[in-house]
């Protein structure tokens, strides 16, 4: 599917779903495009006349007016995005980049010479998506679309970023350390449990300093903040969609005590969990 990144890309609905093992549905045909991004588990999906096997770290793009049907799954968690964007046609591009070799170490300046079309091609199945895409999903999960229209604009821009990362040219250049990819997937499944840098090092047979360097170099954060980010994302969902107390949500999200949970939540979200829940109630229709 070809997408013009300079044209509007408008999300009409999105969410994160945990699908248990068993029957899903018999299939559907939508009047809008759909992107499905698996974060854990696996599934088989029939799209048009072809069956695709996807697992955590893969993405499926289903163009509008295309029949699709989930065939089998042992259980999975995924994000979905329904969206509209005009149809596009492929264009030939030329691109060249140069750098300034006279700057001191640690500084850089690039110049770009190109006739690049904004049109990208995104395949039906993207395997082992870039960890940069996981960062985008984390940002999506922290959006509070009840809050104001700016959050919706951000959501549209995040989907544009995801599609760009999933484009055919980009998917050939991921080259992410396989240990980090396995760490991220493990944390994504187990973040509600007691996970520390030492337990990760023991489980994966590497040193703590090596894991710390992987997170710093590739994700620009530390393992603790990455894990807490997932926990806060989960807590936000619970605050918006359940009547559990803040203390109960703190425990379910993997925090040992409510005080630490509240402190981390405020640092990452800018408000306390109670204030976050009040925002939901204020903007709910």
Protein backbone atom coordinates (compact mmCIF):
# COMPACT_ATOMS: atom_id res chain seq x y z
CA UNK A 1 0.00 0.00 0.00
CA UNK A 2 1.33 3.44 -0.95
CA UNK A 3 0.84 6.35 1.46
CA UNK A 4 1.54 10.03 0.83
CA UNK A 5 2.97 11.29 4.13
CA UNK A 6 2.24 14.90 3.17
CA UNK A 7 -1.50 14.19 2.93
CA UNK A 8 -3.77 13.93 5.98
CA UNK A 9 -3.58 10.70 7.97
CA UNK A 10 -6.59 10.77 10.27
CA UNK A 11 -7.13 8.21 13.02
CA UNK A 12 -10.82 7.40 13.53
CA UNK A 13 -10.33 4.91 16.37
CA UNK A 14 -7.46 3.20 18.15
CA UNK A 15 -6.78 1.08 21.19
CA UNK A 16 -4.81 -1.69 22.85
CA UNK A 17 -6.44 -5.10 23.18
CA UNK A 18 -5.57 -8.37 24.88
CA UNK A 19 -7.06 -11.23 22.88
CA UNK A 20 -7.32 -14.55 24.72
CA UNK A 21 -6.89 -17.90 23.05
CA UNK A 22 -9.96 -19.07 21.18
CA UNK A 23 -12.62 -17.75 18.82
CA UNK A 24 -12.24 -14.18 17.63
CA UNK A 25 -14.64 -13.39 14.78
CA UNK A 26 -15.50 -14.65 11.30
CA UNK A 27 -13.95 -11.75 9.44
CA UNK A 28 -14.81 -8.27 8.29
CA UNK A 29 -14.36 -5.68 5.56
CA UNK A 30 -13.80 -2.09 6.69
CA UNK A 31 -14.37 1.20 4.91
CA UNK A 32 -11.12 2.48 6.38
CA UNK A 33 -7.54 1.24 6.63
CA UNK A 34 -6.44 -0.69 9.71
CA UNK A 35 -2.99 -1.13 11.23
CA UNK A 36 -2.52 -3.93 13.78
CA UNK A 37 0.71 -3.88 15.82
CA UNK A 38 1.41 -6.98 17.94
CA UNK A 39 3.38 -6.48 21.13
CA UNK A 40 3.19 -10.07 22.38
CA UNK A 41 1.72 -13.45 21.45
CA UNK A 42 0.97 -14.59 17.91
CA UNK A 43 -1.86 -14.89 15.40
CA UNK A 44 -2.68 -16.00 11.87
CA UNK A 45 -4.62 -13.50 9.80
CA UNK A 46 -6.19 -14.02 6.39
CA UNK A 47 -6.02 -10.80 4.39
CA UNK A 48 -7.66 -11.00 0.96
CA UNK A 49 -6.56 -14.43 -0.34
CA UNK A 50 -3.34 -14.83 1.66
CA UNK A 51 -2.66 -16.04 5.21
CA UNK A 52 -0.08 -14.15 7.27
CA UNK A 53 1.59 -15.41 10.46
CA UNK A 54 2.49 -12.63 12.88
CA UNK A 55 3.95 -12.57 16.38
CA UNK A 56 5.00 -9.98 18.94
CA UNK A 57 7.13 -7.38 17.17
CA UNK A 58 5.23 -7.63 13.86
CA UNK A 59 2.65 -5.35 12.24
CA UNK A 60 -0.18 -6.00 9.79
CA UNK A 61 -1.63 -3.36 7.45
CA UNK A 62 -5.10 -4.03 6.03
CA UNK A 63 -6.21 -1.60 3.28
CA UNK A 64 -9.80 -0.43 3.25
CA UNK A 65 -12.36 -2.60 1.42
CA UNK A 66 -10.14 -5.65 1.97
CA UNK A 67 -11.61 -8.71 3.66
CA UNK A 68 -9.67 -9.97 6.66
CA UNK A 69 -10.25 -12.75 9.18
CA UNK A 70 -8.22 -13.83 12.23
CA UNK A 71 -7.78 -17.59 11.86
CA UNK A 72 -5.88 -18.75 14.93
CA UNK A 73 -4.18 -17.33 17.99
CA UNK A 74 -2.72 -18.72 21.16
CA UNK A 75 -3.44 -15.32 22.68
CA UNK A 76 -1.91 -11.96 21.86
CA UNK A 77 -1.78 -8.29 22.78
CA UNK A 78 -1.94 -5.67 20.07
CA UNK A 79 -2.57 -2.05 19.21
CA UNK A 80 -5.00 -1.20 16.44
CA UNK A 81 -5.48 1.98 14.43
CA UNK A 82 -8.38 2.66 12.05
CA UNK A 83 -7.53 5.55 9.77
CA UNK A 84 -8.26 7.42 6.56
CA UNK A 85 -5.68 8.68 4.10
CA UNK A 86 -5.87 9.38 0.33
CA UNK A 87 -4.60 6.72 -2.05
CA UNK A 88 -1.16 7.40 -3.51
CA UNK A 89 1.01 6.22 -6.39
CA UNK A 90 4.73 5.33 -6.24
CA UNK A 91 7.35 7.83 -7.41
CA UNK A 92 11.05 7.56 -8.19
CA UNK A 93 13.33 9.41 -5.79
CA UNK A 94 16.96 10.43 -5.58
CA UNK A 95 18.76 11.19 -2.35
CA UNK A 96 22.26 12.20 -1.30
CA UNK A 97 23.64 13.34 2.06
CA UNK A 98 26.91 15.03 2.99
CA UNK A 99 28.45 15.97 6.33
CA UNK A 100 30.87 18.63 7.55
CA UNK A 101 34.13 16.81 8.40
CA UNK A 102 35.70 19.84 10.14
CA UNK A 103 33.57 19.88 13.29
CA UNK A 104 34.98 18.68 16.64
CA UNK A 105 34.13 15.23 17.98
CA UNK A 106 30.59 15.05 19.28
CA UNK A 107 29.28 17.74 16.92
CA UNK A 108 27.73 17.21 13.50
CA UNK A 109 26.14 19.03 10.60
CA UNK A 110 24.41 17.28 7.67
CA UNK A 111 23.27 18.69 4.34
CA UNK A 112 20.63 16.94 2.22
CA UNK A 113 20.39 16.99 -1.56
CA UNK A 114 17.33 15.20 -2.80
CA UNK A 115 14.31 14.96 -4.96
CA UNK A 116 12.38 12.73 -2.57
CA UNK A 117 8.74 11.89 -2.93
CA UNK A 118 6.75 11.88 0.32
CA UNK A 119 5.11 8.65 -0.88
CA UNK A 120 6.09 5.53 1.07
CA UNK A 121 5.23 1.88 0.54
CA UNK A 122 4.07 -0.13 3.56
CA UNK A 123 3.79 -3.89 3.13
CA UNK A 124 0.97 -6.03 4.48
CA UNK A 125 3.30 -7.66 7.01
CA UNK A 126 6.22 -5.94 8.73
CA UNK A 127 8.42 -8.39 10.65
CA UNK A 128 10.45 -7.49 13.74
CA UNK A 129 9.66 -3.79 13.74
CA UNK A 130 12.22 -1.29 14.94
CA UNK A 131 12.49 -0.47 18.63
CA UNK A 132 11.85 3.11 17.59
CA UNK A 133 8.34 1.94 16.78
CA UNK A 134 8.00 0.64 20.34
CA UNK A 135 8.90 4.12 21.55
CA UNK A 136 6.09 5.55 19.41
CA UNK A 137 3.65 3.03 20.88
CA UNK A 138 4.73 4.06 24.36
CA UNK A 139 3.94 7.68 23.46
CA UNK A 140 0.57 6.63 22.08
CA UNK A 141 -0.23 4.85 25.33
CA UNK A 142 0.49 8.00 27.34
CA UNK A 143 -1.93 10.15 25.35
CA UNK A 144 -5.03 11.36 27.16
CA UNK A 145 -7.41 12.00 24.27
CA UNK A 146 -10.10 13.08 26.74
CA UNK A 147 -7.97 16.06 27.61
CA UNK A 148 -8.00 18.26 24.49
CA UNK A 149 -7.80 18.28 20.70
CA UNK A 150 -4.01 18.58 20.76
CA UNK A 151 -3.79 14.99 22.01
CA UNK A 152 -5.73 13.85 18.90
CA UNK A 153 -3.34 15.77 16.64
CA UNK A 154 -0.46 14.04 18.36
CA UNK A 155 -2.14 10.67 17.80
CA UNK A 156 -2.38 11.36 14.05
CA UNK A 157 1.28 12.36 13.95
CA UNK A 158 2.31 9.22 15.86
CA UNK A 159 0.49 7.02 13.36
CA UNK A 160 2.29 8.84 10.53
CA UNK A 161 5.57 8.12 12.31
CA UNK A 162 4.69 4.43 12.74
CA UNK A 163 3.79 4.02 9.08
CA UNK A 164 7.04 5.69 8.07
CA UNK A 165 9.01 3.30 10.30
CA UNK A 166 7.11 0.37 8.77
CA UNK A 167 7.76 1.43 5.17
CA UNK A 168 9.56 -1.05 2.94
CA UNK A 169 12.81 0.95 2.73
CA UNK A 170 13.03 1.49 6.48
CA UNK A 171 12.28 -2.12 7.37
CA UNK A 172 15.45 -3.25 5.60
CA UNK A 173 17.65 -1.18 7.92
CA UNK A 174 16.59 -1.95 11.47
CA UNK A 175 19.73 -3.76 12.66
CA UNK A 176 18.72 -3.66 16.33
CA UNK A 177 20.73 -5.69 18.81
CA UNK A 178 18.91 -9.05 19.14
CA UNK A 179 19.49 -9.15 22.90
CA UNK A 180 17.75 -5.81 23.32
CA UNK A 181 14.86 -6.98 21.16
CA UNK A 182 14.44 -10.06 23.40
CA UNK A 183 14.73 -7.92 26.54
CA UNK A 184 12.02 -5.55 25.35
CA UNK A 185 9.67 -8.39 24.50
CA UNK A 186 10.30 -10.09 27.84
CA UNK A 187 9.65 -6.85 29.73
CA UNK A 188 6.52 -6.22 27.68
CA UNK A 189 5.06 -9.51 28.91
CA UNK A 190 6.36 -9.40 32.50
CA UNK A 191 6.44 -5.72 33.50
CA UNK A 192 3.74 -6.25 36.17
CA UNK A 193 6.06 -8.68 37.95
CA UNK A 194 9.09 -7.88 40.11
CA UNK A 195 11.71 -7.09 37.43
CA UNK A 196 15.08 -5.54 38.17
CA UNK A 197 18.30 -5.02 36.26
CA UNK A 198 19.87 -7.90 38.20
CA UNK A 199 17.05 -10.35 37.37
CA UNK A 200 17.21 -9.37 33.69
CA UNK A 201 20.96 -9.96 33.66
CA UNK A 202 20.54 -13.37 35.30
CA UNK A 203 17.70 -14.45 32.98
CA UNK A 204 19.52 -13.44 29.80
CA UNK A 205 23.04 -14.43 30.80
CA UNK A 206 24.59 -10.99 30.29
CA UNK A 207 26.04 -8.37 32.61
CA UNK A 208 24.01 -5.57 34.17
CA UNK A 209 26.33 -2.99 32.61
CA UNK A 210 25.72 -4.48 29.15
CA UNK A 211 21.95 -4.20 29.55
CA UNK A 212 22.29 -0.65 30.86
CA UNK A 213 24.39 0.29 27.83
CA UNK A 214 21.87 -1.26 25.39
CA UNK A 215 19.00 0.76 26.85
CA UNK A 216 21.04 3.95 26.94
CA UNK A 217 22.38 3.67 23.38
CA UNK A 218 19.23 2.43 21.62
CA UNK A 219 16.31 3.67 23.73
CA UNK A 220 17.95 6.71 25.38
CA UNK A 221 16.68 5.69 28.81
CA UNK A 222 17.49 3.29 31.63
CA UNK A 223 15.83 -0.07 32.19
CA UNK A 224 14.04 1.14 35.35
CA UNK A 225 12.42 4.08 33.55
CA UNK A 226 11.50 1.86 30.61
CA UNK A 227 9.78 -0.68 32.90
CA UNK A 228 8.08 2.05 34.90
CA UNK A 229 6.86 3.63 31.68
CA UNK A 230 5.03 0.42 30.78
CA UNK A 231 3.60 0.20 34.29
CA UNK A 232 2.36 3.79 34.17
CA UNK A 233 0.80 3.14 30.76
CA UNK A 234 -1.05 0.18 32.22
CA UNK A 235 -2.08 2.24 35.25
CA UNK A 236 -3.46 4.99 33.00
CA UNK A 237 -5.67 2.44 31.28
CA UNK A 238 -6.91 1.16 34.62
CA UNK A 239 -7.59 4.67 35.90
CA UNK A 240 -9.60 5.46 32.78
CA UNK A 241 -11.46 2.18 32.45
CA UNK A 242 -11.96 0.75 35.94
CA UNK A 243 -13.27 1.75 39.34
CA UNK A 244 -10.37 0.20 41.24
CA UNK A 245 -8.72 2.35 43.90
CA UNK A 246 -5.38 4.00 43.24
CA UNK A 247 -3.76 1.59 45.69
CA UNK A 248 -5.21 -1.45 43.92
CA UNK A 249 -4.08 -0.15 40.55
CA UNK A 250 -0.61 0.52 41.96
CA UNK A 251 -0.29 -3.13 42.99
CA UNK A 252 -1.71 -4.50 39.74
CA UNK A 253 0.73 -2.35 37.74
CA UNK A 254 3.72 -3.88 39.53
CA UNK A 255 4.63 -1.20 42.10
CA UNK A 256 5.54 -2.29 45.62
CA UNK A 257 3.97 0.71 47.33
CA UNK A 258 1.51 3.44 46.47
CA UNK A 259 3.77 6.33 47.47
CA UNK A 260 6.44 5.33 44.93
CA UNK A 261 3.75 4.72 42.30
CA UNK A 262 2.30 8.21 42.82
CA UNK A 263 5.74 9.81 42.64
CA UNK A 264 6.64 8.03 39.38
CA UNK A 265 3.20 8.71 37.92
CA UNK A 266 3.46 12.44 38.59
CA UNK A 267 6.99 12.59 37.16
CA UNK A 268 5.90 10.90 33.93
CA UNK A 269 2.38 12.33 33.52
CA UNK A 270 2.72 15.71 35.20
CA UNK A 271 -0.25 15.06 37.51
CA UNK A 272 -1.14 12.57 40.23
CA UNK A 273 -3.19 9.42 39.54
CA UNK A 274 -6.18 10.96 41.32
CA UNK A 275 -5.94 14.12 39.21
CA UNK A 276 -5.60 11.99 36.07
CA UNK A 277 -8.83 10.16 36.92
CA UNK A 278 -10.60 13.46 37.58
CA UNK A 279 -9.58 14.63 34.09
CA UNK A 280 -11.31 11.58 32.66
CA UNK A 281 -14.47 12.37 34.54
CA UNK A 282 -14.35 16.02 33.48
CA UNK A 283 -14.05 15.28 29.75
CA UNK A 284 -16.20 12.16 29.53
CA UNK A 285 -19.26 12.69 27.31
